Amino acid sequence: MANKPTVVENIQVLQVGKYGVRVDEKTWFGVNEPLTPSHFVPNEGYKVSVVVSKTGKKYINEILGTEVAQEAAPAKAATPAPAPTPAPAPKAAAPAADATRAEHYTPKLDEKSIQIQRQGLYQAALQSPAIAQWAVNIDEYLALVRKVADAGIKYVAER
């Protein structure tokens, strides 16, 4: 298999992840061996050799040098700035639409579904180590588990 062509790019690392680095709001670059994400430091600029996969994902092959953060930041900061600005407006209107949709499309539960919900909430409350710390004896513990499970059922039914 022939070597893929590489491209030199200047990047500003915003976040270091398990498999690569984030360079803007949505874009992650993978890191090819022998490099690892630990070779990068957040908020630092780098000049890197990048290869692009068939799917369009970019992978860093090597670090060619470091860039001054002030030089790399304006180029990358200008790109993500417009994206967050329009995002809050649709999200502000979304809860009303979601609430209306939930009213119309929430399925009515039959007895079996309700029983499954009750059993799940009771089991979750029963296995909670925090609840066990509040009870002095088994009777108090079971009463507390029942109270927490009933509160969970009430909460789930509110929707």
N, C-alpha and C. Protein backbone atom coordinates (compact mmCIF):
# COMPACT_ATOMS: atom_id res chain seq x y z
N MET A 1 0.84 -1.17 0.00
CA MET A 1 0.00 0.00 0.00
C MET A 1 0.89 1.24 0.00
N ALA A 2 0.62 2.16 -0.87
CA ALA A 2 1.44 3.37 -1.02
C ALA A 2 1.16 4.33 0.12
N ASN A 3 2.17 5.16 0.43
CA ASN A 3 1.98 6.17 1.46
C ASN A 3 0.98 7.20 0.99
N LYS A 4 0.10 7.63 1.91
CA LYS A 4 -0.89 8.65 1.57
C LYS A 4 -0.20 10.01 1.58
N PRO A 5 -0.65 10.93 0.74
CA PRO A 5 -0.05 12.26 0.74
C PRO A 5 -0.36 12.98 2.06
N THR A 6 0.60 13.77 2.51
CA THR A 6 0.41 14.51 3.74
C THR A 6 0.28 16.00 3.45
N VAL A 7 -0.33 16.69 4.38
CA VAL A 7 -0.55 18.13 4.28
C VAL A 7 -0.01 18.75 5.56
N VAL A 8 0.60 19.92 5.45
CA VAL A 8 1.09 20.63 6.63
C VAL A 8 0.01 21.61 7.05
N GLU A 9 -0.35 21.57 8.34
CA GLU A 9 -1.37 22.47 8.87
C GLU A 9 -0.90 23.08 10.18
N ASN A 10 -1.37 24.29 10.43
CA ASN A 10 -1.17 24.93 11.73
C ASN A 10 -2.45 24.73 12.51
N ILE A 11 -2.34 24.16 13.71
CA ILE A 11 -3.53 23.91 14.52
C ILE A 11 -3.37 24.53 15.90
N GLN A 12 -4.48 24.83 16.52
CA GLN A 12 -4.53 25.28 17.91
C GLN A 12 -5.27 24.18 18.67
N VAL A 13 -4.61 23.50 19.59
CA VAL A 13 -5.21 22.40 20.34
C VAL A 13 -6.07 22.98 21.46
N LEU A 14 -7.37 22.66 21.43
CA LEU A 14 -8.28 23.13 22.48
C LEU A 14 -8.47 22.08 23.57
N GLN A 15 -8.39 20.80 23.18
CA GLN A 15 -8.61 19.73 24.14
C GLN A 15 -7.83 18.50 23.69
N VAL A 16 -7.30 17.77 24.65
CA VAL A 16 -6.60 16.53 24.37
C VAL A 16 -7.50 15.39 24.84
N GLY A 17 -7.82 14.47 23.92
CA GLY A 17 -8.68 13.34 24.26
C GLY A 17 -7.92 12.04 24.29
N LYS A 18 -8.65 10.95 24.40
CA LYS A 18 -8.04 9.63 24.50
C LYS A 18 -7.36 9.21 23.20
N TYR A 19 -7.96 9.60 22.05
CA TYR A 19 -7.44 9.16 20.75
C TYR A 19 -6.95 10.28 19.86
N GLY A 20 -7.09 11.53 20.30
CA GLY A 20 -6.67 12.64 19.45
C GLY A 20 -6.84 13.98 20.13
N VAL A 21 -6.86 15.03 19.30
CA VAL A 21 -6.96 16.39 19.82
C VAL A 21 -8.10 17.13 19.13
N ARG A 22 -8.74 18.03 19.89
CA ARG A 22 -9.83 18.84 19.33
C ARG A 22 -9.24 20.18 18.95
N VAL A 23 -9.54 20.63 17.70
CA VAL A 23 -8.96 21.88 17.21
C VAL A 23 -10.00 22.99 17.05
N ASP A 24 -11.28 22.65 17.09
CA ASP A 24 -12.33 23.66 17.15
C ASP A 24 -13.57 23.02 17.76
N GLU A 25 -14.71 23.69 17.68
CA GLU A 25 -15.90 23.22 18.37
C GLU A 25 -16.27 21.76 18.05
N LYS A 26 -16.10 21.33 16.79
CA LYS A 26 -16.54 19.99 16.40
C LYS A 26 -15.45 19.13 15.79
N THR A 27 -14.30 19.69 15.48
CA THR A 27 -13.29 18.97 14.72
C THR A 27 -12.23 18.34 15.62
N TRP A 28 -12.07 17.04 15.46
CA TRP A 28 -11.04 16.28 16.17
C TRP A 28 -10.06 15.74 15.15
N PHE A 29 -8.79 15.76 15.46
CA PHE A 29 -7.76 15.13 14.65
C PHE A 29 -7.29 13.89 15.41
N GLY A 30 -7.21 12.76 14.73
CA GLY A 30 -6.64 11.57 15.32
C GLY A 30 -5.12 11.70 15.37
N VAL A 31 -4.47 10.83 16.12
CA VAL A 31 -3.02 10.86 16.25
C VAL A 31 -2.47 9.50 15.87
N ASN A 32 -1.60 9.47 14.84
CA ASN A 32 -0.98 8.22 14.40
C ASN A 32 0.28 7.93 15.21
N GLU A 33 0.57 6.64 15.37
CA GLU A 33 1.80 6.23 16.05
C GLU A 33 2.99 6.72 15.27
N PRO A 34 4.08 7.05 15.85
CA PRO A 34 4.46 6.86 17.25
C PRO A 34 3.97 7.97 18.17
N LEU A 35 3.26 8.97 17.63
CA LEU A 35 2.73 10.04 18.49
C LEU A 35 1.57 9.50 19.33
N THR A 36 1.33 10.17 20.44
CA THR A 36 0.15 9.91 21.25
C THR A 36 -0.45 11.27 21.61
N PRO A 37 -1.72 11.29 22.03
CA PRO A 37 -2.30 12.57 22.43
C PRO A 37 -1.53 13.26 23.55
N SER A 38 -0.79 12.49 24.34
CA SER A 38 -0.04 13.11 25.45
C SER A 38 1.11 13.99 24.95
N HIS A 39 1.43 13.91 23.66
CA HIS A 39 2.45 14.79 23.09
C HIS A 39 1.94 16.23 22.92
N PHE A 40 0.62 16.43 23.07
CA PHE A 40 0.02 17.75 22.84
C PHE A 40 -0.44 18.36 24.16
N VAL A 41 -0.43 19.68 24.19
CA VAL A 41 -0.84 20.44 25.37
C VAL A 41 -1.99 21.36 24.95
N PRO A 42 -3.10 21.36 25.71
CA PRO A 42 -4.21 22.25 25.37
C PRO A 42 -3.77 23.71 25.34
N ASN A 43 -4.40 24.47 24.46
CA ASN A 43 -4.14 25.90 24.27
C ASN A 43 -2.75 26.19 23.72
N GLU A 44 -2.17 25.23 23.05
CA GLU A 44 -0.88 25.41 22.39
C GLU A 44 -1.09 25.26 20.88
N GLY A 45 -0.27 25.98 20.13
CA GLY A 45 -0.34 25.89 18.67
C GLY A 45 0.75 24.97 18.15
N TYR A 46 0.44 24.23 17.09
CA TYR A 46 1.41 23.30 16.52
C TYR A 46 1.37 23.36 15.00
N LYS A 47 2.53 23.13 14.39
CA LYS A 47 2.63 22.94 12.96
C LYS A 47 2.79 21.43 12.80
N VAL A 48 1.82 20.78 12.12
CA VAL A 48 1.79 19.33 12.06
C VAL A 48 1.67 18.82 10.64
N SER A 49 2.12 17.59 10.44
CA SER A 49 1.95 16.89 9.18
C SER A 49 0.70 16.02 9.34
N VAL A 50 -0.27 16.20 8.44
CA VAL A 50 -1.57 15.55 8.55
C VAL A 50 -1.84 14.69 7.32
N VAL A 51 -2.44 13.52 7.53
CA VAL A 51 -2.90 12.68 6.44
C VAL A 51 -4.43 12.60 6.56
N VAL A 52 -5.13 12.60 5.43
CA VAL A 52 -6.58 12.57 5.41
C VAL A 52 -7.02 11.18 4.97
N SER A 53 -7.91 10.55 5.74
CA SER A 53 -8.39 9.21 5.41
C SER A 53 -9.44 9.29 4.30
N LYS A 54 -9.86 8.14 3.82
CA LYS A 54 -10.90 8.07 2.78
C LYS A 54 -12.20 8.69 3.26
N THR A 55 -12.47 8.59 4.56
CA THR A 55 -13.72 9.14 5.12
C THR A 55 -13.62 10.63 5.39
N GLY A 56 -12.42 11.21 5.26
CA GLY A 56 -12.25 12.64 5.47
C GLY A 56 -11.69 12.99 6.84
N LYS A 57 -11.50 11.99 7.71
CA LYS A 57 -10.94 12.26 9.03
C LYS A 57 -9.45 12.54 8.90
N LYS A 58 -8.99 13.49 9.69
CA LYS A 58 -7.57 13.89 9.64
C LYS A 58 -6.81 13.24 10.79
N TYR A 59 -5.61 12.76 10.45
CA TYR A 59 -4.73 12.12 11.44
C TYR A 59 -3.38 12.82 11.42
N ILE A 60 -2.85 13.12 12.60
CA ILE A 60 -1.56 13.78 12.71
C ILE A 60 -0.46 12.72 12.69
N ASN A 61 0.48 12.87 11.73
CA ASN A 61 1.60 11.94 11.62
C ASN A 61 2.80 12.38 12.44
N GLU A 62 3.08 13.69 12.42
CA GLU A 62 4.22 14.19 13.17
C GLU A 62 4.06 15.66 13.48
N ILE A 63 4.74 16.08 14.53
CA ILE A 63 4.77 17.49 14.92
C ILE A 63 5.99 18.11 14.27
N LEU A 64 5.76 19.11 13.42
CA LEU A 64 6.86 19.76 12.72
C LEU A 64 7.43 20.93 13.51
N GLY A 65 6.62 21.48 14.40
CA GLY A 65 7.07 22.60 15.21
C GLY A 65 5.93 23.13 16.05
N THR A 66 6.23 24.09 16.90
CA THR A 66 5.19 24.72 17.71
C THR A 66 4.95 26.12 17.18
N GLU A 67 3.74 26.58 17.36
CA GLU A 67 3.34 27.91 16.92
C GLU A 67 3.05 28.75 18.14
N VAL A 68 3.23 30.04 18.01
CA VAL A 68 2.87 30.94 19.10
C VAL A 68 1.35 30.95 19.16
N ALA A 69 0.79 30.78 20.33
CA ALA A 69 -0.66 30.67 20.50
C ALA A 69 -1.40 31.88 19.94
N GLN A 70 -0.80 33.08 20.02
CA GLN A 70 -1.46 34.28 19.53
C GLN A 70 -1.61 34.25 18.02
N GLU A 71 -0.69 33.64 17.29
CA GLU A 71 -0.80 33.57 15.85
C GLU A 71 -1.85 32.55 15.41
N ALA A 72 -1.88 31.40 16.07
CA ALA A 72 -2.81 30.35 15.68
C ALA A 72 -4.23 30.65 16.13
N ALA A 73 -4.41 31.32 17.27
CA ALA A 73 -5.73 31.54 17.83
C ALA A 73 -6.66 32.37 16.95
N PRO A 74 -6.24 33.52 16.36
CA PRO A 74 -7.19 34.30 15.58
C PRO A 74 -7.75 33.54 14.38
N ALA A 75 -6.95 32.72 13.72
CA ALA A 75 -7.44 31.99 12.56
C ALA A 75 -8.51 30.99 12.95
N LYS A 76 -8.30 30.28 14.06
CA LYS A 76 -9.26 29.28 14.49
C LYS A 76 -10.43 29.91 15.25
N ALA A 77 -10.18 30.99 15.98
CA ALA A 77 -11.24 31.61 16.77
C ALA A 77 -12.30 32.25 15.88
N ALA A 78 -11.91 32.72 14.71
CA ALA A 78 -12.88 33.35 13.82
C ALA A 78 -13.86 32.33 13.26
N THR A 79 -13.43 31.11 13.05
CA THR A 79 -14.30 30.08 12.48
C THR A 79 -15.40 29.65 13.43
N PRO A 80 -15.12 29.26 14.71
CA PRO A 80 -16.20 28.80 15.56
C PRO A 80 -17.08 29.92 16.11
N ALA A 81 -16.66 31.17 16.09
CA ALA A 81 -17.44 32.25 16.67
C ALA A 81 -18.85 32.37 16.08
N PRO A 82 -19.06 32.29 14.76
CA PRO A 82 -20.43 32.40 14.25
C PRO A 82 -21.31 31.23 14.65
N ALA A 83 -20.77 30.03 14.83
CA ALA A 83 -21.59 28.86 15.13
C ALA A 83 -22.32 28.97 16.46
N PRO A 84 -21.67 29.37 17.57
CA PRO A 84 -22.40 29.45 18.84
C PRO A 84 -23.45 30.56 18.87
N THR A 85 -23.28 31.62 18.10
CA THR A 85 -24.22 32.72 18.15
C THR A 85 -25.64 32.32 17.74
N PRO A 86 -25.85 31.63 16.59
CA PRO A 86 -27.22 31.26 16.25
C PRO A 86 -27.75 30.09 17.06
N ALA A 87 -26.89 29.30 17.67
CA ALA A 87 -27.33 28.10 18.38
C ALA A 87 -28.27 28.39 19.55
N PRO A 88 -28.04 29.41 20.40
CA PRO A 88 -28.94 29.63 21.53
C PRO A 88 -30.38 29.95 21.14
N ALA A 89 -30.60 30.65 20.05
CA ALA A 89 -31.96 31.01 19.67
C ALA A 89 -32.83 29.78 19.40
N PRO A 90 -32.40 28.79 18.56
CA PRO A 90 -33.24 27.62 18.37
C PRO A 90 -33.41 26.80 19.64
N LYS A 91 -32.41 26.73 20.49
CA LYS A 91 -32.52 25.93 21.70
C LYS A 91 -33.51 26.57 22.67
N ALA A 92 -33.63 27.89 22.66
CA ALA A 92 -34.58 28.56 23.54
C ALA A 92 -36.01 28.23 23.12
N ALA A 93 -36.25 28.08 21.83
CA ALA A 93 -37.59 27.75 21.35
C ALA A 93 -37.86 26.25 21.43
N ALA A 94 -36.85 25.43 21.51
CA ALA A 94 -37.01 23.98 21.48
C ALA A 94 -37.79 23.42 22.67
N PRO A 95 -37.62 23.89 23.92
CA PRO A 95 -38.37 23.28 25.01
C PRO A 95 -39.88 23.34 24.83
N ALA A 96 -40.41 24.44 24.29
CA ALA A 96 -41.85 24.52 24.06
C ALA A 96 -42.27 23.48 23.04
N ALA A 97 -41.49 23.33 21.98
CA ALA A 97 -41.83 22.34 20.96
C ALA A 97 -41.71 20.94 21.52
N ASP A 98 -40.69 20.68 22.34
CA ASP A 98 -40.52 19.36 22.94
C ASP A 98 -41.66 19.04 23.90
N ALA A 99 -42.09 20.03 24.68
CA ALA A 99 -43.19 19.81 25.62
C ALA A 99 -44.47 19.48 24.88
N THR A 100 -44.74 20.20 23.80
CA THR A 100 -45.94 19.94 23.01
C THR A 100 -45.86 18.56 22.38
N ARG A 101 -44.70 18.23 21.84
CA ARG A 101 -44.51 16.92 21.22
C ARG A 101 -44.69 15.81 22.25
N ALA A 102 -44.17 16.02 23.47
CA ALA A 102 -44.26 15.02 24.53
C ALA A 102 -45.72 14.79 24.92
N GLU A 103 -46.52 15.86 24.94
CA GLU A 103 -47.93 15.71 25.28
C GLU A 103 -48.66 14.84 24.27
N HIS A 104 -48.35 15.02 22.99
CA HIS A 104 -49.07 14.31 21.94
C HIS A 104 -48.54 12.91 21.68
N TYR A 105 -47.26 12.71 21.90
CA TYR A 105 -46.65 11.44 21.50
C TYR A 105 -46.21 10.56 22.65
N THR A 106 -46.44 10.97 23.88
CA THR A 106 -46.09 10.11 25.01
C THR A 106 -47.08 8.95 25.04
N PRO A 107 -46.58 7.72 24.96
CA PRO A 107 -47.50 6.58 24.92
C PRO A 107 -48.18 6.38 26.27
N LYS A 108 -49.41 5.92 26.23
CA LYS A 108 -50.13 5.58 27.45
C LYS A 108 -49.63 4.20 27.88
N LEU A 109 -49.27 4.08 29.15
CA LEU A 109 -48.68 2.84 29.63
C LEU A 109 -49.77 1.86 30.07
N ASP A 110 -49.59 0.61 29.71
CA ASP A 110 -50.51 -0.43 30.18
C ASP A 110 -50.05 -0.90 31.55
N GLU A 111 -50.82 -1.79 32.17
CA GLU A 111 -50.52 -2.27 33.52
C GLU A 111 -49.16 -2.95 33.60
N LYS A 112 -48.80 -3.72 32.58
CA LYS A 112 -47.53 -4.43 32.60
C LYS A 112 -46.36 -3.44 32.57
N SER A 113 -46.45 -2.41 31.74
CA SER A 113 -45.39 -1.40 31.66
C SER A 113 -45.24 -0.65 32.98
N ILE A 114 -46.36 -0.33 33.60
CA ILE A 114 -46.33 0.37 34.88
C ILE A 114 -45.68 -0.52 35.94
N GLN A 115 -46.02 -1.82 35.93
CA GLN A 115 -45.43 -2.75 36.89
C GLN A 115 -43.92 -2.87 36.69
N ILE A 116 -43.47 -2.90 35.44
CA ILE A 116 -42.04 -2.97 35.14
C ILE A 116 -41.34 -1.72 35.65
N GLN A 117 -41.96 -0.57 35.44
CA GLN A 117 -41.40 0.69 35.95
C GLN A 117 -41.27 0.66 37.47
N ARG A 118 -42.33 0.21 38.13
CA ARG A 118 -42.33 0.15 39.60
C ARG A 118 -41.23 -0.78 40.11
N GLN A 119 -41.11 -1.94 39.47
CA GLN A 119 -40.09 -2.89 39.89
C GLN A 119 -38.69 -2.32 39.68
N GLY A 120 -38.48 -1.65 38.56
CA GLY A 120 -37.16 -1.06 38.27
C GLY A 120 -36.80 0.02 39.27
N LEU A 121 -37.75 0.89 39.58
CA LEU A 121 -37.49 1.96 40.54
C LEU A 121 -37.28 1.40 41.94
N TYR A 122 -38.05 0.37 42.32
CA TYR A 122 -37.87 -0.25 43.63
C TYR A 122 -36.49 -0.91 43.73
N GLN A 123 -36.10 -1.60 42.66
CA GLN A 123 -34.79 -2.26 42.65
C GLN A 123 -33.67 -1.23 42.74
N ALA A 124 -33.79 -0.13 42.00
CA ALA A 124 -32.77 0.91 42.04
C ALA A 124 -32.66 1.50 43.44
N ALA A 125 -33.79 1.75 44.07
CA ALA A 125 -33.78 2.30 45.43
C ALA A 125 -33.21 1.28 46.41
N LEU A 126 -33.55 0.02 46.23
CA LEU A 126 -33.08 -1.04 47.12
C LEU A 126 -31.57 -1.20 47.05
N GLN A 127 -30.98 -0.99 45.87
CA GLN A 127 -29.55 -1.18 45.69
C GLN A 127 -28.73 0.08 45.97
N SER A 128 -29.40 1.17 46.31
CA SER A 128 -28.69 2.42 46.56
C SER A 128 -27.96 2.37 47.90
N PRO A 129 -26.64 2.52 47.89
CA PRO A 129 -25.90 2.51 49.15
C PRO A 129 -26.21 3.74 50.02
N ALA A 130 -26.62 4.83 49.40
CA ALA A 130 -26.92 6.04 50.17
C ALA A 130 -28.14 5.83 51.06
N ILE A 131 -29.14 5.14 50.56
CA ILE A 131 -30.36 4.91 51.34
C ILE A 131 -30.05 4.00 52.53
N ALA A 132 -29.20 3.01 52.33
CA ALA A 132 -28.86 2.09 53.41
C ALA A 132 -28.20 2.81 54.58
N GLN A 133 -27.51 3.89 54.31
CA GLN A 133 -26.83 4.63 55.38
C GLN A 133 -27.80 5.41 56.27
N TRP A 134 -29.00 5.67 55.77
CA TRP A 134 -29.95 6.46 56.53
C TRP A 134 -30.81 5.63 57.47
N ALA A 135 -30.88 4.33 57.25
CA ALA A 135 -31.76 3.48 58.03
C ALA A 135 -31.02 2.86 59.22
N VAL A 136 -31.75 2.71 60.34
CA VAL A 136 -31.18 2.12 61.53
C VAL A 136 -31.42 0.61 61.56
N ASN A 137 -32.61 0.18 61.11
CA ASN A 137 -32.94 -1.25 61.10
C ASN A 137 -33.60 -1.61 59.78
N ILE A 138 -33.89 -2.86 59.59
CA ILE A 138 -34.43 -3.34 58.31
C ILE A 138 -35.80 -2.76 58.00
N ASP A 139 -36.64 -2.59 59.01
CA ASP A 139 -37.97 -2.03 58.78
C ASP A 139 -37.88 -0.58 58.29
N GLU A 140 -37.02 0.20 58.91
CA GLU A 140 -36.82 1.58 58.46
C GLU A 140 -36.25 1.60 57.04
N TYR A 141 -35.33 0.69 56.79
CA TYR A 141 -34.69 0.62 55.46
C TYR A 141 -35.72 0.33 54.38
N LEU A 142 -36.57 -0.68 54.60
CA LEU A 142 -37.59 -1.03 53.59
C LEU A 142 -38.61 0.09 53.42
N ALA A 143 -38.96 0.76 54.50
CA ALA A 143 -39.90 1.89 54.41
C ALA A 143 -39.27 3.04 53.61
N LEU A 144 -37.99 3.28 53.84
CA LEU A 144 -37.28 4.33 53.12
C LEU A 144 -37.15 3.98 51.63
N VAL A 145 -36.85 2.72 51.34
CA VAL A 145 -36.76 2.26 49.95
C VAL A 145 -38.10 2.47 49.25
N ARG A 146 -39.18 2.11 49.92
CA ARG A 146 -40.52 2.27 49.35
C ARG A 146 -40.83 3.75 49.09
N LYS A 147 -40.46 4.60 50.04
CA LYS A 147 -40.71 6.04 49.91
C LYS A 147 -39.93 6.61 48.72
N VAL A 148 -38.67 6.22 48.57
CA VAL A 148 -37.85 6.70 47.45
C VAL A 148 -38.39 6.17 46.12
N ALA A 149 -38.77 4.90 46.09
CA ALA A 149 -39.32 4.32 44.86
C ALA A 149 -40.63 5.02 44.47
N ASP A 150 -41.49 5.28 45.45
CA ASP A 150 -42.75 5.99 45.16
C ASP A 150 -42.50 7.40 44.63
N ALA A 151 -41.50 8.07 45.19
CA ALA A 151 -41.14 9.40 44.69
C ALA A 151 -40.64 9.30 43.25
N GLY A 152 -39.87 8.26 42.94
CA GLY A 152 -39.40 8.05 41.57
C GLY A 152 -40.54 7.78 40.61
N ILE A 153 -41.50 6.98 41.05
CA ILE A 153 -42.67 6.67 40.22
C ILE A 153 -43.47 7.94 39.95
N LYS A 154 -43.65 8.75 40.99
CA LYS A 154 -44.38 10.01 40.84
C LYS A 154 -43.65 10.92 39.84
N TYR A 155 -42.33 10.98 39.97
CA TYR A 155 -41.53 11.82 39.07
C TYR A 155 -41.66 11.35 37.62
N VAL A 156 -41.55 10.07 37.40
CA VAL A 156 -41.64 9.52 36.04
C VAL A 156 -43.03 9.75 35.46
N ALA A 157 -44.05 9.66 36.29
CA ALA A 157 -45.43 9.84 35.83
C ALA A 157 -45.75 11.28 35.47
N GLU A 158 -44.98 12.24 36.00
CA GLU A 158 -45.21 13.67 35.71
C GLU A 158 -45.07 13.97 34.24
N ARG A 159 -44.23 13.28 33.58
CA ARG A 159 -43.97 13.56 32.17
C ARG A 159 -45.20 13.31 31.39
